[in-house]
Each structure stands twice: as C-alpha cells, then as structure tokens.
Amino acid sequence: MPKIDLKLAASLASVVFVAGGAWWNLRNVSSDVAAIKTTIDNQANELTIHVAADAHIGSDGRISRIEESQKVLSEDMKTILSNQSALCQATGARCR
C-alpha cells in the first residue's frame, strides 16, 4: 500500500474547499446582479412612463394650467385692490 502524504492531501482538500466556496459565492453574486439589473430595468421603464404622463409635475399641460390659474388669480387681486381703493376714497378712510 502506497504511503499518502498528509500535507499534500490537506493542501489539496483546502484548495478544493476554497474553490467550492468561491464557486458558490460567484453563483450567488451573479444571481444577485441579475436581480438588481431586473429591478433597475423595471424602475427605468416606470420612470419613463411617469415622466411621459400628463400628471408629471414638469409636464407642459400641468404648467400651462398653473399659469392660467395664476393669471385668473392676478386679475381677481387687481379687482379686489381696485374695489378697496374705491371704498377708501368713497368713505374718506385712510387705507394703506
């Protein structure tokens, strides 16, 4: 029966064990990377849809509605100030 070198056997066992652990770790990391890539792709698609939607905060439709509301509000304020001025003049009140 041939004599087995225990140091060589222990070294080979260590190499096999480390290689197996590295292979297992590599497989886990690759599956994690695939899951992250899928998540990023989904988020990119959702972001594209969100930006293209009319309700997006920066959409032209929303901005023009806000501008129109501001114009109406400005006209209402001018009317209120004009009426207040007329009331102050009619009553002789000292309005500021």
C-alpha atoms as a PDB file:
ATOM      1  CA  MET A   1       0.000   0.000   0.000  1.00  0.00           C
ATOM      2  CA  PRO A   2       1.458   3.361  -1.046  1.00  0.00           C
ATOM      3  CA  LYS A   3       2.082   5.954   1.617  1.00  0.00           C
ATOM      4  CA  ILE A   4      -0.117   9.096   1.351  1.00  0.00           C
ATOM      5  CA  ASP A   5       1.490  12.421   2.112  1.00  0.00           C
ATOM      6  CA  LEU A   6      -0.843  14.035   4.675  1.00  0.00           C
ATOM      7  CA  LYS A   7       0.412  17.572   3.999  1.00  0.00           C
ATOM      8  CA  LEU A   8      -0.288  17.214   0.291  1.00  0.00           C
ATOM      9  CA  ALA A   9      -3.723  15.726   0.987  1.00  0.00           C
ATOM     10  CA  ALA A  10      -4.568  18.561   3.388  1.00  0.00           C
ATOM     11  CA  SER A  11      -3.409  21.140   0.836  1.00  0.00           C
ATOM     12  CA  LEU A  12      -5.498  19.537  -1.918  1.00  0.00           C
ATOM     13  CA  ALA A  13      -8.527  19.362   0.369  1.00  0.00           C
ATOM     14  CA  SER A  14      -8.080  23.052   1.239  1.00  0.00           C
ATOM     15  CA  VAL A  15      -7.814  24.012  -2.442  1.00  0.00           C
ATOM     16  CA  VAL A  16     -10.942  22.017  -3.288  1.00  0.00           C
ATOM     17  CA  PHE A  17     -12.821  23.530  -0.339  1.00  0.00           C
ATOM     18  CA  VAL A  18     -11.766  27.108  -1.223  1.00  0.00           C
ATOM     19  CA  ALA A  19     -12.593  26.573  -4.911  1.00  0.00           C
ATOM     20  CA  GLY A  20     -16.035  25.240  -3.989  1.00  0.00           C
ATOM     21  CA  GLY A  21     -16.681  28.203  -1.722  1.00  0.00           C
ATOM     22  CA  ALA A  22     -15.554  30.618  -4.404  1.00  0.00           C
ATOM     23  CA  TRP A  23     -17.781  28.915  -6.985  1.00  0.00           C
ATOM     24  CA  TRP A  24     -20.777  29.044  -4.616  1.00  0.00           C
ATOM     25  CA  ASN A  25     -20.117  32.733  -3.856  1.00  0.00           C
ATOM     26  CA  LEU A  26     -19.780  33.543  -7.557  1.00  0.00           C
ATOM     27  CA  ARG A  27     -23.125  31.903  -8.329  1.00  0.00           C
ATOM     28  CA  ASN A  28     -24.835  33.861  -5.532  1.00  0.00           C
ATOM     29  CA  VAL A  29     -23.310  37.138  -6.655  1.00  0.00           C
ATOM     30  CA  SER A  30     -24.307  36.539 -10.272  1.00  0.00           C
ATOM     31  CA  SER A  31     -27.920  35.839  -9.263  1.00  0.00           C
ATOM     32  CA  ASP A  32     -27.908  38.998  -7.104  1.00  0.00           C
ATOM     33  CA  VAL A  33     -26.559  41.033 -10.021  1.00  0.00           C
ATOM     34  CA  ALA A  34     -29.268  39.627 -12.306  1.00  0.00           C
ATOM     35  CA  ALA A  35     -31.960  40.560  -9.756  1.00  0.00           C
ATOM     36  CA  ILE A  36     -30.554  44.080  -9.375  1.00  0.00           C
ATOM     37  CA  LYS A  37     -30.412  44.508 -13.167  1.00  0.00           C
ATOM     38  CA  THR A  38     -34.053  43.439 -13.447  1.00  0.00           C
ATOM     39  CA  THR A  39     -35.035  45.921 -10.722  1.00  0.00           C
ATOM     40  CA  ILE A  40     -33.128  48.754 -12.404  1.00  0.00           C
ATOM     41  CA  ASP A  41     -34.708  47.964 -15.775  1.00  0.00           C
ATOM     42  CA  ASN A  42     -38.187  47.979 -14.204  1.00  0.00           C
ATOM     43  CA  GLN A  43     -37.520  51.288 -12.465  1.00  0.00           C
ATOM     44  CA  ALA A  44     -36.205  52.826 -15.687  1.00  0.00           C
ATOM     45  CA  ASN A  45     -39.376  51.760 -17.501  1.00  0.00           C
ATOM     46  CA  GLU A  46     -41.592  53.124 -14.721  1.00  0.00           C
ATOM     47  CA  LEU A  47     -39.668  56.401 -14.714  1.00  0.00           C
ATOM     48  CA  THR A  48     -40.089  56.752 -18.480  1.00  0.00           C
ATOM     49  CA  ILE A  49     -43.838  56.184 -18.140  1.00  0.00           C
ATOM     50  CA  HIS A  50     -44.065  58.617 -15.201  1.00  0.00           C
ATOM     51  CA  VAL A  51     -42.209  61.413 -16.992  1.00  0.00           C
ATOM     52  CA  ALA A  52     -44.374  60.981 -20.097  1.00  0.00           C
ATOM     53  CA  ALA A  53     -47.618  61.117 -18.085  1.00  0.00           C
ATOM     54  CA  ASP A  54     -49.772  64.267 -18.064  1.00  0.00           C
ATOM     55  CA  ALA A  55     -49.754  64.321 -14.275  1.00  0.00           C
ATOM     56  CA  HIS A  56     -45.981  64.640 -14.130  1.00  0.00           C
ATOM     57  CA  ILE A  57     -45.036  67.747 -12.177  1.00  0.00           C
ATOM     58  CA  GLY A  58     -42.941  69.065 -15.046  1.00  0.00           C
ATOM     59  CA  SER A  59     -45.387  68.327 -17.868  1.00  0.00           C
ATOM     60  CA  ASP A  60     -46.344  71.154 -20.200  1.00  0.00           C
ATOM     61  CA  GLY A  61     -50.059  70.608 -19.628  1.00  0.00           C
ATOM     62  CA  ARG A  62     -49.728  70.990 -15.891  1.00  0.00           C
ATOM     63  CA  ILE A  63     -47.524  74.069 -16.198  1.00  0.00           C
ATOM     64  CA  SER A  64     -49.965  75.778 -18.554  1.00  0.00           C
ATOM     65  CA  ARG A  65     -52.861  75.043 -16.167  1.00  0.00           C
ATOM     66  CA  ILE A  66     -50.864  76.577 -13.318  1.00  0.00           C
ATOM     67  CA  GLU A  67     -50.041  79.637 -15.452  1.00  0.00           C
ATOM     68  CA  GLU A  68     -53.721  80.064 -16.353  1.00  0.00           C
ATOM     69  CA  SER A  69     -54.704  79.834 -12.676  1.00  0.00           C
ATOM     70  CA  GLN A  70     -52.073  82.462 -11.829  1.00  0.00           C
ATOM     71  CA  LYS A  71     -53.499  84.826 -14.467  1.00  0.00           C
ATOM     72  CA  VAL A  72     -57.022  84.440 -13.064  1.00  0.00           C
ATOM     73  CA  LEU A  73     -55.728  84.982  -9.522  1.00  0.00           C
ATOM     74  CA  SER A  74     -53.837  88.090 -10.630  1.00  0.00           C
ATOM     75  CA  GLU A  75     -56.952  89.542 -12.257  1.00  0.00           C
ATOM     76  CA  ASP A  76     -59.004  88.815  -9.120  1.00  0.00           C
ATOM     77  CA  MET A  77     -56.403  90.558  -6.947  1.00  0.00           C
ATOM     78  CA  LYS A  78     -56.424  93.623  -9.235  1.00  0.00           C
ATOM     79  CA  THR A  79     -60.215  93.785  -8.924  1.00  0.00           C
ATOM     80  CA  ILE A  80     -60.056  93.460  -5.131  1.00  0.00           C
ATOM     81  CA  LEU A  81     -57.427  96.202  -4.864  1.00  0.00           C
ATOM     82  CA  SER A  82     -59.425  98.469  -7.170  1.00  0.00           C
ATOM     83  CA  ASN A  83     -62.572  97.932  -5.108  1.00  0.00           C
ATOM     84  CA  GLN A  84     -60.677  98.558  -1.862  1.00  0.00           C
ATOM     85  CA  SER A  85     -59.274 101.788  -3.278  1.00  0.00           C
ATOM     86  CA  ALA A  86     -62.733 102.943  -4.347  1.00  0.00           C
ATOM     87  CA  LEU A  87     -64.143 102.150  -0.896  1.00  0.00           C
ATOM     88  CA  CYS A  88     -61.334 104.055   0.799  1.00  0.00           C
ATOM     89  CA  GLN A  89     -61.916 107.102  -1.417  1.00  0.00           C
ATOM     90  CA  ALA A  90     -65.711 106.972  -1.007  1.00  0.00           C
ATOM     91  CA  THR A  91     -65.574 106.733   2.781  1.00  0.00           C
ATOM     92  CA  GLY A  92     -62.603 109.036   3.247  1.00  0.00           C
ATOM     93  CA  ALA A  93     -60.806 106.267   5.152  1.00  0.00           C
ATOM     94  CA  ARG A  94     -57.038 106.245   5.300  1.00  0.00           C
ATOM     95  CA  CYS A  95     -56.238 102.840   3.761  1.00  0.00           C
ATOM     96  CA  ARG A  96     -52.760 101.513   3.254  1.00  0.00           C
END
